[in-house]
Amino acid sequence: MFRTLALIALLWPACLTAQQAEPPMTVDRMAQIVLALDPQSEFTGSGFALTIDDIPVLIVMDPNANRMRAMVPIRSAEGMTPEEMLRVMQANFDSALDARYAVAQGRLWGIFIHPFRELERDQLISGIAQTVNVAKTYGTLFSSGAGQFGPGDSGDLQRELIEDLLERGQDI
């Protein structure tokens, strides 16, 4: 028991240093990342508007409240059947992962929500890609592409977007 505690005491500072290796998110840092993903992205005052794979993405942030969200409009929520609502709720549980389906202002959205300052580069990039994927796969796989169970080609195709965006933002 003493050896275990001693080992933890020795390794703990290294663990804290490794966790703090990436600086906190700032508006300027997020702008650099977003511009790497889409050089035509625009600052909107409270966030960014960009396009990934022909899908519009809106990022809204409030650094003072330590919140951000990336959002993708999917469709009107009006006319969604109970079966469609059930399916998006099921996807929120098992296949949307970091992205989620949400309803607001009469629309169905794909969203990624995270504390702003604690957000790391790869989390932001992956969250955007997953949000785009839940929009692209609405009505079929209902998947973020970050995790796929079972055989098939879909997981690899969806994972390509995440890897492409991670590569674009790797030097930031």
C-alpha atoms as a PDB file:
ATOM      1  CA  MET A   1       0.000   0.000   0.000  1.00  0.00           C
ATOM      2  CA  PHE A   2       2.801   2.412   0.918  1.00  0.00           C
ATOM      3  CA  ARG A   3       4.583   1.642  -2.379  1.00  0.00           C
ATOM      4  CA  THR A   4       1.431   2.430  -4.336  1.00  0.00           C
ATOM      5  CA  LEU A   5       0.961   5.742  -2.521  1.00  0.00           C
ATOM      6  CA  ALA A   6       4.625   6.619  -2.997  1.00  0.00           C
ATOM      7  CA  LEU A   7       4.401   5.840  -6.712  1.00  0.00           C
ATOM      8  CA  ILE A   8       1.275   8.008  -7.033  1.00  0.00           C
ATOM      9  CA  ALA A   9       3.022  10.839  -5.175  1.00  0.00           C
ATOM     10  CA  LEU A  10       5.987  10.610  -7.555  1.00  0.00           C
ATOM     11  CA  LEU A  11       3.898  10.440 -10.726  1.00  0.00           C
ATOM     12  CA  TRP A  12       1.176  12.927  -9.780  1.00  0.00           C
ATOM     13  CA  PRO A  13       3.124  16.097 -10.780  1.00  0.00           C
ATOM     14  CA  ALA A  14       3.903  14.544 -14.178  1.00  0.00           C
ATOM     15  CA  CYS A  15       0.216  13.720 -14.691  1.00  0.00           C
ATOM     16  CA  LEU A  16      -0.775  17.296 -13.850  1.00  0.00           C
ATOM     17  CA  THR A  17       1.869  18.676 -16.209  1.00  0.00           C
ATOM     18  CA  ALA A  18       0.678  16.402 -19.036  1.00  0.00           C
ATOM     19  CA  GLN A  19      -2.916  17.528 -18.486  1.00  0.00           C
ATOM     20  CA  GLN A  20      -1.901  21.193 -18.589  1.00  0.00           C
ATOM     21  CA  ALA A  21       0.258  20.923 -21.716  1.00  0.00           C
ATOM     22  CA  GLU A  22      -2.364  22.590 -23.919  1.00  0.00           C
ATOM     23  CA  PRO A  23      -3.214  26.230 -23.144  1.00  0.00           C
ATOM     24  CA  PRO A  24      -6.785  27.214 -22.265  1.00  0.00           C
ATOM     25  CA  MET A  25      -9.065  28.008 -25.177  1.00  0.00           C
ATOM     26  CA  THR A  26      -9.353  31.675 -26.116  1.00  0.00           C
ATOM     27  CA  VAL A  27     -11.307  33.451 -28.828  1.00  0.00           C
ATOM     28  CA  ASP A  28      -8.080  34.050 -30.789  1.00  0.00           C
ATOM     29  CA  ARG A  29      -7.030  30.409 -30.487  1.00  0.00           C
ATOM     30  CA  MET A  30     -10.455  29.201 -31.570  1.00  0.00           C
ATOM     31  CA  ALA A  31     -10.275  31.588 -34.544  1.00  0.00           C
ATOM     32  CA  GLN A  32      -6.955  30.045 -35.621  1.00  0.00           C
ATOM     33  CA  ILE A  33      -8.412  26.542 -35.409  1.00  0.00           C
ATOM     34  CA  VAL A  34     -11.606  27.481 -37.254  1.00  0.00           C
ATOM     35  CA  LEU A  35      -9.631  29.243 -40.006  1.00  0.00           C
ATOM     36  CA  ALA A  36      -7.497  26.114 -40.440  1.00  0.00           C
ATOM     37  CA  LEU A  37     -10.692  24.090 -40.973  1.00  0.00           C
ATOM     38  CA  ASP A  38     -12.337  26.618 -43.288  1.00  0.00           C
ATOM     39  CA  PRO A  39     -10.264  29.573 -44.524  1.00  0.00           C
ATOM     40  CA  GLN A  40     -13.517  31.307 -45.605  1.00  0.00           C
ATOM     41  CA  SER A  41     -15.037  31.131 -42.106  1.00  0.00           C
ATOM     42  CA  GLU A  42     -16.406  34.363 -40.652  1.00  0.00           C
ATOM     43  CA  PHE A  43     -16.373  35.829 -37.151  1.00  0.00           C
ATOM     44  CA  THR A  44     -19.972  36.667 -36.202  1.00  0.00           C
ATOM     45  CA  GLY A  45     -19.369  38.669 -33.012  1.00  0.00           C
ATOM     46  CA  SER A  46     -20.431  35.864 -30.692  1.00  0.00           C
ATOM     47  CA  GLY A  47     -18.840  33.035 -32.638  1.00  0.00           C
ATOM     48  CA  PHE A  48     -18.026  31.770 -36.086  1.00  0.00           C
ATOM     49  CA  ALA A  49     -19.834  30.692 -39.234  1.00  0.00           C
ATOM     50  CA  LEU A  50     -18.052  28.101 -41.344  1.00  0.00           C
ATOM     51  CA  THR A  51     -18.797  25.353 -43.834  1.00  0.00           C
ATOM     52  CA  ILE A  52     -17.568  21.772 -43.621  1.00  0.00           C
ATOM     53  CA  ASP A  53     -18.394  19.356 -46.457  1.00  0.00           C
ATOM     54  CA  ASP A  54     -21.054  21.782 -47.747  1.00  0.00           C
ATOM     55  CA  ILE A  55     -22.726  21.767 -44.303  1.00  0.00           C
ATOM     56  CA  PRO A  56     -23.105  25.155 -42.553  1.00  0.00           C
ATOM     57  CA  VAL A  57     -21.727  25.181 -38.997  1.00  0.00           C
ATOM     58  CA  LEU A  58     -22.393  27.918 -36.475  1.00  0.00           C
ATOM     59  CA  ILE A  59     -20.186  28.169 -33.384  1.00  0.00           C
ATOM     60  CA  VAL A  60     -21.567  30.277 -30.551  1.00  0.00           C
ATOM     61  CA  MET A  61     -19.382  31.045 -27.559  1.00  0.00           C
ATOM     62  CA  ASP A  62     -19.578  32.887 -24.274  1.00  0.00           C
ATOM     63  CA  PRO A  63     -16.095  32.883 -22.721  1.00  0.00           C
ATOM     64  CA  ASN A  64     -17.388  34.711 -19.614  1.00  0.00           C
ATOM     65  CA  ALA A  65     -19.887  31.927 -18.948  1.00  0.00           C
ATOM     66  CA  ASN A  66     -17.274  29.339 -20.038  1.00  0.00           C
ATOM     67  CA  ARG A  67     -19.594  27.788 -22.648  1.00  0.00           C
ATOM     68  CA  MET A  68     -19.531  27.102 -26.362  1.00  0.00           C
ATOM     69  CA  ARG A  69     -21.592  25.150 -28.801  1.00  0.00           C
ATOM     70  CA  ALA A  70     -21.194  24.149 -32.419  1.00  0.00           C
ATOM     71  CA  MET A  71     -24.510  23.774 -34.243  1.00  0.00           C
ATOM     72  CA  VAL A  72     -25.664  22.422 -37.577  1.00  0.00           C
ATOM     73  CA  PRO A  73     -29.261  22.864 -38.770  1.00  0.00           C
ATOM     74  CA  ILE A  74     -30.711  19.569 -39.961  1.00  0.00           C
ATOM     75  CA  ARG A  75     -34.408  20.054 -40.723  1.00  0.00           C
ATOM     76  CA  SER A  76     -37.639  21.543 -39.492  1.00  0.00           C
ATOM     77  CA  ALA A  77     -38.803  19.822 -36.314  1.00  0.00           C
ATOM     78  CA  GLU A  78     -42.374  20.324 -37.431  1.00  0.00           C
ATOM     79  CA  GLY A  79     -43.767  17.110 -38.780  1.00  0.00           C
ATOM     80  CA  MET A  80     -41.235  14.818 -37.109  1.00  0.00           C
ATOM     81  CA  THR A  81     -42.999  11.600 -36.250  1.00  0.00           C
ATOM     82  CA  PRO A  82     -42.833  10.038 -32.794  1.00  0.00           C
ATOM     83  CA  GLU A  83     -40.680   7.314 -34.348  1.00  0.00           C
ATOM     84  CA  GLU A  84     -38.198   9.897 -35.675  1.00  0.00           C
ATOM     85  CA  MET A  85     -38.035  11.609 -32.265  1.00  0.00           C
ATOM     86  CA  LEU A  86     -37.458   8.240 -30.599  1.00  0.00           C
ATOM     87  CA  ARG A  87     -34.700   7.443 -33.076  1.00  0.00           C
ATOM     88  CA  VAL A  88     -32.797  10.673 -32.422  1.00  0.00           C
ATOM     89  CA  MET A  89     -33.100  10.059 -28.672  1.00  0.00           C
ATOM     90  CA  GLN A  90     -31.712   6.541 -29.155  1.00  0.00           C
ATOM     91  CA  ALA A  91     -28.861   7.990 -31.214  1.00  0.00           C
ATOM     92  CA  ASN A  92     -28.117  10.496 -28.442  1.00  0.00           C
ATOM     93  CA  PHE A  93     -27.596   7.507 -26.176  1.00  0.00           C
ATOM     94  CA  ASP A  94     -25.397   5.279 -28.337  1.00  0.00           C
ATOM     95  CA  SER A  95     -24.226   6.597 -31.694  1.00  0.00           C
ATOM     96  CA  ALA A  96     -24.123  10.406 -31.621  1.00  0.00           C
ATOM     97  CA  LEU A  97     -21.369  10.331 -28.941  1.00  0.00           C
ATOM     98  CA  ASP A  98     -20.021  13.884 -28.378  1.00  0.00           C
ATOM     99  CA  ALA A  99     -22.555  15.417 -30.775  1.00  0.00           C
ATOM    100  CA  ARG A 100     -26.237  15.436 -29.929  1.00  0.00           C
ATOM    101  CA  TYR A 101     -29.554  15.937 -31.652  1.00  0.00           C
ATOM    102  CA  ALA A 102     -31.554  18.840 -30.203  1.00  0.00           C
ATOM    103  CA  VAL A 103     -34.715  20.779 -30.993  1.00  0.00           C
ATOM    104  CA  ALA A 104     -34.808  24.576 -30.719  1.00  0.00           C
ATOM    105  CA  GLN A 105     -36.627  27.354 -32.546  1.00  0.00           C
ATOM    106  CA  GLY A 106     -38.682  24.830 -34.515  1.00  0.00           C
ATOM    107  CA  ARG A 107     -35.603  23.103 -35.961  1.00  0.00           C
ATOM    108  CA  LEU A 108     -33.751  19.858 -35.408  1.00  0.00           C
ATOM    109  CA  TRP A 109     -30.053  20.586 -34.856  1.00  0.00           C
ATOM    110  CA  GLY A 110     -26.862  18.634 -34.491  1.00  0.00           C
ATOM    111  CA  ILE A 111     -24.933  20.191 -31.590  1.00  0.00           C
ATOM    112  CA  PHE A 112     -21.667  19.869 -29.682  1.00  0.00           C
ATOM    113  CA  ILE A 113     -21.529  21.608 -26.295  1.00  0.00           C
ATOM    114  CA  HIS A 114     -18.407  21.990 -24.150  1.00  0.00           C
ATOM    115  CA  PRO A 115     -16.930  24.273 -21.490  1.00  0.00           C
ATOM    116  CA  PHE A 116     -15.001  26.941 -23.400  1.00  0.00           C
ATOM    117  CA  ARG A 117     -11.706  27.317 -21.494  1.00  0.00           C
ATOM    118  CA  GLU A 118     -11.215  23.576 -21.010  1.00  0.00           C
ATOM    119  CA  LEU A 119     -11.816  22.832 -24.696  1.00  0.00           C
ATOM    120  CA  GLU A 120      -8.758  21.382 -26.401  1.00  0.00           C
ATOM    121  CA  ARG A 121      -7.958  21.710 -30.097  1.00  0.00           C
ATOM    122  CA  ASP A 122      -8.675  18.080 -30.970  1.00  0.00           C
ATOM    123  CA  GLN A 123     -11.904  18.104 -28.943  1.00  0.00           C
ATOM    124  CA  LEU A 124     -13.133  21.137 -30.874  1.00  0.00           C
ATOM    125  CA  ILE A 125     -12.187  19.646 -34.233  1.00  0.00           C
ATOM    126  CA  SER A 126     -13.675  16.249 -33.413  1.00  0.00           C
ATOM    127  CA  GLY A 127     -16.822  17.866 -31.998  1.00  0.00           C
ATOM    128  CA  ILE A 128     -17.347  19.878 -35.188  1.00  0.00           C
ATOM    129  CA  ALA A 129     -16.789  16.800 -37.355  1.00  0.00           C
ATOM    130  CA  GLN A 130     -19.129  14.686 -35.235  1.00  0.00           C
ATOM    131  CA  THR A 131     -21.805  17.393 -35.442  1.00  0.00           C
ATOM    132  CA  VAL A 132     -21.499  17.509 -39.226  1.00  0.00           C
ATOM    133  CA  ASN A 133     -21.708  13.713 -39.310  1.00  0.00           C
ATOM    134  CA  VAL A 134     -24.944  13.558 -37.252  1.00  0.00           C
ATOM    135  CA  ALA A 135     -26.459  15.980 -39.765  1.00  0.00           C
ATOM    136  CA  LYS A 136     -25.189  13.985 -42.758  1.00  0.00           C
ATOM    137  CA  THR A 137     -26.386  10.664 -41.335  1.00  0.00           C
ATOM    138  CA  TYR A 138     -29.782  11.872 -40.108  1.00  0.00           C
ATOM    139  CA  GLY A 139     -32.393   9.477 -41.440  1.00  0.00           C
ATOM    140  CA  THR A 140     -29.892   6.670 -42.006  1.00  0.00           C
ATOM    141  CA  LEU A 141     -27.188   5.826 -39.445  1.00  0.00           C
ATOM    142  CA  PHE A 142     -27.817   8.679 -36.974  1.00  0.00           C
ATOM    143  CA  SER A 143     -24.111   8.541 -36.146  1.00  0.00           C
ATOM    144  CA  SER A 144     -21.327  10.961 -35.281  1.00  0.00           C
ATOM    145  CA  GLY A 145     -18.827   8.701 -37.002  1.00  0.00           C
ATOM    146  CA  ALA A 146     -16.527   8.710 -33.960  1.00  0.00           C
ATOM    147  CA  GLY A 147     -17.522   5.198 -33.011  1.00  0.00           C
ATOM    148  CA  GLN A 148     -19.244   2.549 -35.024  1.00  0.00           C
ATOM    149  CA  PHE A 149     -20.271  -0.892 -33.866  1.00  0.00           C
ATOM    150  CA  GLY A 150     -20.380  -3.792 -36.277  1.00  0.00           C
ATOM    151  CA  PRO A 151     -18.909  -4.409 -39.721  1.00  0.00           C
ATOM    152  CA  GLY A 152     -19.413  -2.264 -42.775  1.00  0.00           C
ATOM    153  CA  ASP A 153     -18.042   0.711 -44.654  1.00  0.00           C
ATOM    154  CA  SER A 154     -19.959   3.529 -42.936  1.00  0.00           C
ATOM    155  CA  GLY A 155     -17.679   3.856 -39.933  1.00  0.00           C
ATOM    156  CA  ASP A 156     -14.594   4.263 -42.098  1.00  0.00           C
ATOM    157  CA  LEU A 157     -16.288   6.808 -44.374  1.00  0.00           C
ATOM    158  CA  GLN A 158     -17.498   8.913 -41.453  1.00  0.00           C
ATOM    159  CA  ARG A 159     -14.174   8.650 -39.637  1.00  0.00           C
ATOM    160  CA  GLU A 160     -12.468  10.164 -42.717  1.00  0.00           C
ATOM    161  CA  LEU A 161     -14.045  13.569 -41.983  1.00  0.00           C
ATOM    162  CA  ILE A 162     -12.812  13.569 -38.380  1.00  0.00           C
ATOM    163  CA  GLU A 163      -9.294  12.578 -39.455  1.00  0.00           C
ATOM    164  CA  ASP A 164      -9.267  15.159 -42.269  1.00  0.00           C
ATOM    165  CA  LEU A 165     -10.242  17.969 -39.901  1.00  0.00           C
ATOM    166  CA  LEU A 166      -7.776  16.819 -37.238  1.00  0.00           C
ATOM    167  CA  GLU A 167      -5.041  16.927 -39.873  1.00  0.00           C
ATOM    168  CA  ARG A 168      -6.037  20.452 -40.989  1.00  0.00           C
ATOM    169  CA  GLY A 169      -5.823  21.699 -37.409  1.00  0.00           C
ATOM    170  CA  GLN A 170      -2.734  19.809 -36.246  1.00  0.00           C
ATOM    171  CA  ASP A 171      -0.329  22.757 -36.476  1.00  0.00           C
ATOM    172  CA  ILE A 172      -2.411  25.107 -34.338  1.00  0.00           C
END
